[in-house]
């Protein structure tokens, strides 16, 4: 209830002040409104820029090539190729993919001793 009474008193004082100092109020508004629009515009440009930059940062990153489900993956460092379900095929260095064993051997890769592709 105290907040309501305080708000009503502030409203009445504001209306009284505007009616008594109407000309000064108009001059004040003529100065405040353009300044507020300029500041608001700058804020919107800044926020829009932040939004624009965050959208650019969220662009999808090209993923490394993944071999087909029945294919083989080759480790580019060790030159060893693995089946898809081999525990060593999960290495970040396994980026080459081959459709069949002959393709991997022809590319200079040797078969994994663990999964025996």
C-alpha atoms as a PDB file:
ATOM      1  CA  UNK A   1       0.000   0.000   0.000  1.00  0.00           C
ATOM      2  CA  UNK A   2       2.899   2.356   0.773  1.00  0.00           C
ATOM      3  CA  UNK A   3       4.306   1.804  -2.708  1.00  0.00           C
ATOM      4  CA  UNK A   4       0.950   2.609  -4.287  1.00  0.00           C
ATOM      5  CA  UNK A   5       0.603   5.842  -2.288  1.00  0.00           C
ATOM      6  CA  UNK A   6       4.212   6.835  -3.099  1.00  0.00           C
ATOM      7  CA  UNK A   7       3.609   6.188  -6.798  1.00  0.00           C
ATOM      8  CA  UNK A   8       0.386   8.227  -6.762  1.00  0.00           C
ATOM      9  CA  UNK A   9       2.145  11.159  -5.056  1.00  0.00           C
ATOM     10  CA  UNK A  10       5.000  11.026  -7.588  1.00  0.00           C
ATOM     11  CA  UNK A  11       2.485  10.972 -10.443  1.00  0.00           C
ATOM     12  CA  UNK A  12       0.625  13.989  -9.095  1.00  0.00           C
ATOM     13  CA  UNK A  13       3.845  15.934  -8.507  1.00  0.00           C
ATOM     14  CA  UNK A  14       4.991  15.088 -12.039  1.00  0.00           C
ATOM     15  CA  UNK A  15       1.720  16.272 -13.584  1.00  0.00           C
ATOM     16  CA  UNK A  16       1.793  19.469 -11.489  1.00  0.00           C
ATOM     17  CA  UNK A  17       5.424  20.166 -12.447  1.00  0.00           C
ATOM     18  CA  UNK A  18       4.740  19.658 -16.144  1.00  0.00           C
ATOM     19  CA  UNK A  19       1.712  21.976 -16.067  1.00  0.00           C
ATOM     20  CA  UNK A  20       3.608  24.740 -14.223  1.00  0.00           C
ATOM     21  CA  UNK A  21       6.862  24.424 -16.143  1.00  0.00           C
ATOM     22  CA  UNK A  22       5.397  23.307 -19.468  1.00  0.00           C
ATOM     23  CA  UNK A  23       7.728  25.382 -21.628  1.00  0.00           C
ATOM     24  CA  UNK A  24      10.828  24.197 -19.734  1.00  0.00           C
ATOM     25  CA  UNK A  25       9.517  20.635 -19.926  1.00  0.00           C
ATOM     26  CA  UNK A  26       9.229  20.876 -23.728  1.00  0.00           C
ATOM     27  CA  UNK A  27      12.788  22.230 -24.015  1.00  0.00           C
ATOM     28  CA  UNK A  28      14.025  19.420 -21.818  1.00  0.00           C
ATOM     29  CA  UNK A  29      12.197  16.831 -23.951  1.00  0.00           C
ATOM     30  CA  UNK A  30      13.616  18.417 -27.100  1.00  0.00           C
ATOM     31  CA  UNK A  31      17.098  17.785 -25.700  1.00  0.00           C
ATOM     32  CA  UNK A  32      16.492  14.391 -24.089  1.00  0.00           C
ATOM     33  CA  UNK A  33      14.604  12.623 -26.885  1.00  0.00           C
ATOM     34  CA  UNK A  34      17.295  12.997 -29.596  1.00  0.00           C
ATOM     35  CA  UNK A  35      20.038  12.114 -27.121  1.00  0.00           C
ATOM     36  CA  UNK A  36      18.084   9.041 -26.024  1.00  0.00           C
ATOM     37  CA  UNK A  37      17.547   7.992 -29.636  1.00  0.00           C
ATOM     38  CA  UNK A  38      21.257   8.387 -30.405  1.00  0.00           C
ATOM     39  CA  UNK A  39      22.301   6.402 -27.341  1.00  0.00           C
ATOM     40  CA  UNK A  40      19.652   3.757 -28.014  1.00  0.00           C
ATOM     41  CA  UNK A  41      20.779   3.459 -31.631  1.00  0.00           C
ATOM     42  CA  UNK A  42      24.395   3.047 -30.571  1.00  0.00           C
ATOM     43  CA  UNK A  43      23.372   0.393 -28.069  1.00  0.00           C
ATOM     44  CA  UNK A  44      21.387  -1.504 -30.701  1.00  0.00           C
ATOM     45  CA  UNK A  45      24.303  -1.358 -33.135  1.00  0.00           C
ATOM     46  CA  UNK A  46      26.631  -2.664 -30.435  1.00  0.00           C
ATOM     47  CA  UNK A  47      24.253  -5.456 -29.419  1.00  0.00           C
ATOM     48  CA  UNK A  48      23.620  -6.316 -33.053  1.00  0.00           C
ATOM     49  CA  UNK A  49      27.367  -6.483 -33.628  1.00  0.00           C
ATOM     50  CA  UNK A  50      27.773  -8.825 -30.663  1.00  0.00           C
ATOM     51  CA  UNK A  51      24.955 -10.990 -31.999  1.00  0.00           C
ATOM     52  CA  UNK A  52      26.502 -10.944 -35.476  1.00  0.00           C
ATOM     53  CA  UNK A  53      29.912 -11.941 -34.117  1.00  0.00           C
ATOM     54  CA  UNK A  54      28.450 -14.721 -31.982  1.00  0.00           C
ATOM     55  CA  UNK A  55      26.615 -16.069 -35.058  1.00  0.00           C
ATOM     56  CA  UNK A  56      29.877 -16.139 -36.985  1.00  0.00           C
ATOM     57  CA  UNK A  57      31.629 -17.971 -34.150  1.00  0.00           C
ATOM     58  CA  UNK A  58      28.932 -20.642 -34.186  1.00  0.00           C
ATOM     59  CA  UNK A  59      29.399 -21.534 -37.845  1.00  0.00           C
ATOM     60  CA  UNK A  60      29.713 -25.286 -38.211  1.00  0.00           C
ATOM     61  CA  UNK A  61      33.269 -26.544 -38.323  1.00  0.00           C
ATOM     62  CA  UNK A  62      34.061 -28.923 -41.127  1.00  0.00           C
ATOM     63  CA  UNK A  63      34.423 -32.362 -39.635  1.00  0.00           C
ATOM     64  CA  UNK A  64      37.163 -34.736 -40.587  1.00  0.00           C
ATOM     65  CA  UNK A  65      36.239 -37.244 -43.250  1.00  0.00           C
ATOM     66  CA  UNK A  66      34.595 -40.352 -41.876  1.00  0.00           C
ATOM     67  CA  UNK A  67      34.872 -43.656 -43.633  1.00  0.00           C
ATOM     68  CA  UNK A  68      31.820 -45.589 -44.704  1.00  0.00           C
ATOM     69  CA  UNK A  69      30.333 -48.019 -42.187  1.00  0.00           C
ATOM     70  CA  UNK A  70      31.905 -50.967 -44.010  1.00  0.00           C
ATOM     71  CA  UNK A  71      35.133 -49.105 -44.840  1.00  0.00           C
ATOM     72  CA  UNK A  72      38.514 -48.797 -43.231  1.00  0.00           C
ATOM     73  CA  UNK A  73      40.276 -45.847 -41.629  1.00  0.00           C
ATOM     74  CA  UNK A  74      43.969 -45.121 -41.846  1.00  0.00           C
ATOM     75  CA  UNK A  75      46.224 -43.402 -39.332  1.00  0.00           C
ATOM     76  CA  UNK A  76      48.192 -40.810 -41.288  1.00  0.00           C
ATOM     77  CA  UNK A  77      51.130 -40.879 -38.831  1.00  0.00           C
ATOM     78  CA  UNK A  78      51.662 -44.611 -38.363  1.00  0.00           C
ATOM     79  CA  UNK A  79      50.373 -45.607 -41.836  1.00  0.00           C
ATOM     80  CA  UNK A  80      48.285 -48.383 -40.252  1.00  0.00           C
ATOM     81  CA  UNK A  81      44.657 -48.988 -41.261  1.00  0.00           C
ATOM     82  CA  UNK A  82      41.865 -50.272 -39.011  1.00  0.00           C
ATOM     83  CA  UNK A  83      38.267 -51.452 -39.199  1.00  0.00           C
ATOM     84  CA  UNK A  84      35.584 -49.033 -38.004  1.00  0.00           C
ATOM     85  CA  UNK A  85      35.049 -50.901 -34.722  1.00  0.00           C
ATOM     86  CA  UNK A  86      38.745 -51.173 -33.814  1.00  0.00           C
ATOM     87  CA  UNK A  87      39.681 -49.330 -30.617  1.00  0.00           C
ATOM     88  CA  UNK A  88      42.621 -47.709 -32.435  1.00  0.00           C
ATOM     89  CA  UNK A  89      40.364 -46.367 -35.207  1.00  0.00           C
ATOM     90  CA  UNK A  90      39.066 -43.693 -32.800  1.00  0.00           C
ATOM     91  CA  UNK A  91      42.378 -41.800 -32.906  1.00  0.00           C
ATOM     92  CA  UNK A  92      42.272 -38.203 -34.167  1.00  0.00           C
ATOM     93  CA  UNK A  93      45.016 -39.137 -36.626  1.00  0.00           C
ATOM     94  CA  UNK A  94      42.788 -41.705 -38.375  1.00  0.00           C
ATOM     95  CA  UNK A  95      41.607 -39.362 -41.091  1.00  0.00           C
ATOM     96  CA  UNK A  96      42.164 -41.363 -44.280  1.00  0.00           C
ATOM     97  CA  UNK A  97      39.336 -43.626 -45.377  1.00  0.00           C
ATOM     98  CA  UNK A  98      39.359 -46.604 -47.670  1.00  0.00           C
ATOM     99  CA  UNK A  99      36.545 -48.637 -49.159  1.00  0.00           C
ATOM    100  CA  UNK A 100      38.534 -51.881 -49.247  1.00  0.00           C
ATOM    101  CA  UNK A 101      41.751 -53.413 -48.010  1.00  0.00           C
ATOM    102  CA  UNK A 102      43.482 -53.256 -51.394  1.00  0.00           C
ATOM    103  CA  UNK A 103      43.003 -49.478 -51.556  1.00  0.00           C
ATOM    104  CA  UNK A 104      44.727 -49.040 -48.181  1.00  0.00           C
ATOM    105  CA  UNK A 105      47.642 -51.307 -49.079  1.00  0.00           C
ATOM    106  CA  UNK A 106      48.067 -49.537 -52.419  1.00  0.00           C
ATOM    107  CA  UNK A 107      48.223 -46.199 -50.555  1.00  0.00           C
ATOM    108  CA  UNK A 108      51.144 -47.525 -48.465  1.00  0.00           C
ATOM    109  CA  UNK A 109      49.233 -48.494 -45.317  1.00  0.00           C
ATOM    110  CA  UNK A 110      49.704 -51.768 -43.449  1.00  0.00           C
ATOM    111  CA  UNK A 111      46.940 -53.655 -41.576  1.00  0.00           C
ATOM    112  CA  UNK A 112      46.425 -53.265 -37.833  1.00  0.00           C
ATOM    113  CA  UNK A 113      47.750 -56.167 -35.765  1.00  0.00           C
ATOM    114  CA  UNK A 114      44.834 -55.912 -33.356  1.00  0.00           C
ATOM    115  CA  UNK A 115      41.728 -55.854 -35.577  1.00  0.00           C
ATOM    116  CA  UNK A 116      43.268 -57.702 -38.582  1.00  0.00           C
ATOM    117  CA  UNK A 117      41.248 -55.942 -41.316  1.00  0.00           C
END
